Amino acid sequence: MRINGIGNVNELYKPGKSTKTYDAKSVSGGKDSLAISDFAKDLQVAKQSVKSAPDIRQARVDDIKSQMEAGKYNVSASQVAEKLVNKYFE
């Protein structure tokens, strides 16, 4: 198989060949600025709220533990199946 024009591609990667130069004097001395949207601010507040919330609801865990130890914690197979199917199709 022969690839035509490979010489042109090699010319692009030769060192010392610069096609554009920029003069530092031509850059304006303006100030940079940054504007944050209201949506981004709201998102930041929500992210901080989620981060500060506990990962585990200890009261709920303790309640389920006590039910399991007492032998009163029963979950039907249909409830488990329904949750799995709903989670799969989300």
C-alpha atoms as a PDB file:
ATOM      1  CA  MET A   1       0.000   0.000   0.000  1.00  0.00           C
ATOM      2  CA  ARG A   2       1.371   3.382  -0.934  1.00  0.00           C
ATOM      3  CA  ILE A   3       0.481   6.631   0.790  1.00  0.00           C
ATOM      4  CA  ASN A   4       0.906   9.696  -1.399  1.00  0.00           C
ATOM      5  CA  GLY A   5       1.776  13.040   0.112  1.00  0.00           C
ATOM      6  CA  ILE A   6       3.625  11.756   3.167  1.00  0.00           C
ATOM      7  CA  GLY A   7       6.380  14.269   2.460  1.00  0.00           C
ATOM      8  CA  ASN A   8       3.954  17.140   3.025  1.00  0.00           C
ATOM      9  CA  VAL A   9       3.013  15.787   6.430  1.00  0.00           C
ATOM     10  CA  ASN A  10       6.653  15.437   7.430  1.00  0.00           C
ATOM     11  CA  GLU A  11       7.265  19.083   6.521  1.00  0.00           C
ATOM     12  CA  LEU A  12       4.765  20.141   9.183  1.00  0.00           C
ATOM     13  CA  TYR A  13       6.797  18.593  12.000  1.00  0.00           C
ATOM     14  CA  LYS A  14      10.221  19.965  11.156  1.00  0.00           C
ATOM     15  CA  PRO A  15      11.741  21.893  14.061  1.00  0.00           C
ATOM     16  CA  GLY A  16      12.456  25.577  13.711  1.00  0.00           C
ATOM     17  CA  LYS A  17       9.688  26.225  11.234  1.00  0.00           C
ATOM     18  CA  SER A  18       7.308  28.751  12.739  1.00  0.00           C
ATOM     19  CA  THR A  19       4.522  30.177  10.666  1.00  0.00           C
ATOM     20  CA  LYS A  20       3.083  32.753  13.075  1.00  0.00           C
ATOM     21  CA  THR A  21       4.751  35.152  15.432  1.00  0.00           C
ATOM     22  CA  TYR A  22       3.120  37.556  17.810  1.00  0.00           C
ATOM     23  CA  ASP A  23       4.541  40.803  19.049  1.00  0.00           C
ATOM     24  CA  ALA A  24       4.169  41.311  22.786  1.00  0.00           C
ATOM     25  CA  LYS A  25       3.518  45.002  22.234  1.00  0.00           C
ATOM     26  CA  SER A  26       0.372  44.271  20.241  1.00  0.00           C
ATOM     27  CA  VAL A  27      -1.360  42.707  23.236  1.00  0.00           C
ATOM     28  CA  SER A  28      -3.583  45.196  24.982  1.00  0.00           C
ATOM     29  CA  GLY A  29      -2.961  45.988  28.638  1.00  0.00           C
ATOM     30  CA  GLY A  30      -6.616  45.394  29.589  1.00  0.00           C
ATOM     31  CA  LYS A  31      -7.717  43.741  32.779  1.00  0.00           C
ATOM     32  CA  ASP A  32      -9.071  40.207  32.898  1.00  0.00           C
ATOM     33  CA  SER A  33     -12.515  39.693  34.352  1.00  0.00           C
ATOM     34  CA  LEU A  34     -14.646  36.764  35.387  1.00  0.00           C
ATOM     35  CA  ALA A  35     -18.423  36.614  35.697  1.00  0.00           C
ATOM     36  CA  ILE A  36     -20.158  33.721  37.456  1.00  0.00           C
ATOM     37  CA  SER A  37     -23.775  33.091  36.503  1.00  0.00           C
ATOM     38  CA  ASP A  38     -26.579  32.860  39.042  1.00  0.00           C
ATOM     39  CA  PHE A  39     -27.064  29.207  38.101  1.00  0.00           C
ATOM     40  CA  ALA A  40     -23.418  28.470  38.899  1.00  0.00           C
ATOM     41  CA  LYS A  41     -23.752  30.232  42.253  1.00  0.00           C
ATOM     42  CA  ASP A  42     -26.864  28.196  43.094  1.00  0.00           C
ATOM     43  CA  LEU A  43     -25.078  25.035  42.034  1.00  0.00           C
ATOM     44  CA  GLN A  44     -22.156  25.864  44.307  1.00  0.00           C
ATOM     45  CA  VAL A  45     -24.495  26.390  47.286  1.00  0.00           C
ATOM     46  CA  ALA A  46     -26.269  23.090  46.578  1.00  0.00           C
ATOM     47  CA  LYS A  47     -22.960  21.255  46.276  1.00  0.00           C
ATOM     48  CA  GLN A  48     -21.801  22.623  49.632  1.00  0.00           C
ATOM     49  CA  SER A  49     -25.092  21.571  51.255  1.00  0.00           C
ATOM     50  CA  VAL A  50     -24.784  18.030  49.931  1.00  0.00           C
ATOM     51  CA  LYS A  51     -21.164  17.861  51.008  1.00  0.00           C
ATOM     52  CA  SER A  52     -22.012  18.904  54.574  1.00  0.00           C
ATOM     53  CA  ALA A  53     -24.892  16.385  54.878  1.00  0.00           C
ATOM     54  CA  PRO A  54     -24.025  13.036  56.476  1.00  0.00           C
ATOM     55  CA  ASP A  55     -23.715  10.038  54.157  1.00  0.00           C
ATOM     56  CA  ILE A  56     -25.436   7.698  56.607  1.00  0.00           C
ATOM     57  CA  ARG A  57     -28.724   8.309  58.367  1.00  0.00           C
ATOM     58  CA  GLN A  58     -27.650   6.736  61.637  1.00  0.00           C
ATOM     59  CA  ALA A  59     -31.126   6.864  63.204  1.00  0.00           C
ATOM     60  CA  ARG A  60     -32.540   4.828  60.303  1.00  0.00           C
ATOM     61  CA  VAL A  61     -29.667   2.335  60.496  1.00  0.00           C
ATOM     62  CA  ASP A  62     -30.189   1.872  64.234  1.00  0.00           C
ATOM     63  CA  ASP A  63     -33.920   1.361  63.736  1.00  0.00           C
ATOM     64  CA  ILE A  64     -33.400  -1.339  61.114  1.00  0.00           C
ATOM     65  CA  LYS A  65     -30.716  -3.013  63.238  1.00  0.00           C
ATOM     66  CA  SER A  66     -33.018  -3.226  66.228  1.00  0.00           C
ATOM     67  CA  GLN A  67     -35.801  -4.662  64.049  1.00  0.00           C
ATOM     68  CA  MET A  68     -33.418  -7.281  62.610  1.00  0.00           C
ATOM     69  CA  GLU A  69     -32.162  -8.287  66.060  1.00  0.00           C
ATOM     70  CA  ALA A  70     -35.745  -8.638  67.272  1.00  0.00           C
ATOM     71  CA  GLY A  71     -36.660 -10.683  64.175  1.00  0.00           C
ATOM     72  CA  LYS A  72     -39.311  -8.178  63.094  1.00  0.00           C
ATOM     73  CA  TYR A  73     -37.645  -6.839  59.959  1.00  0.00           C
ATOM     74  CA  ASN A  74     -39.319  -8.428  56.940  1.00  0.00           C
ATOM     75  CA  VAL A  75     -39.127  -7.283  53.352  1.00  0.00           C
ATOM     76  CA  SER A  76     -41.185  -9.067  50.726  1.00  0.00           C
ATOM     77  CA  ALA A  77     -39.505 -10.391  47.601  1.00  0.00           C
ATOM     78  CA  SER A  78     -41.934  -8.417  45.430  1.00  0.00           C
ATOM     79  CA  GLN A  79     -40.811  -5.157  47.048  1.00  0.00           C
ATOM     80  CA  VAL A  80     -37.165  -5.997  46.382  1.00  0.00           C
ATOM     81  CA  ALA A  81     -37.942  -6.955  42.783  1.00  0.00           C
ATOM     82  CA  GLU A  82     -39.935  -3.780  42.228  1.00  0.00           C
ATOM     83  CA  LYS A  83     -37.082  -1.590  43.542  1.00  0.00           C
ATOM     84  CA  LEU A  84     -34.563  -3.420  41.338  1.00  0.00           C
ATOM     85  CA  VAL A  85     -36.696  -2.999  38.226  1.00  0.00           C
ATOM     86  CA  ASN A  86     -37.340   0.679  38.958  1.00  0.00           C
ATOM     87  CA  LYS A  87     -33.643   1.298  39.524  1.00  0.00           C
ATOM     88  CA  TYR A  88     -32.760  -0.496  36.285  1.00  0.00           C
ATOM     89  CA  PHE A  89     -35.120   1.607  34.168  1.00  0.00           C
ATOM     90  CA  GLU A  90     -34.177   4.990  35.663  1.00  0.00           C
END
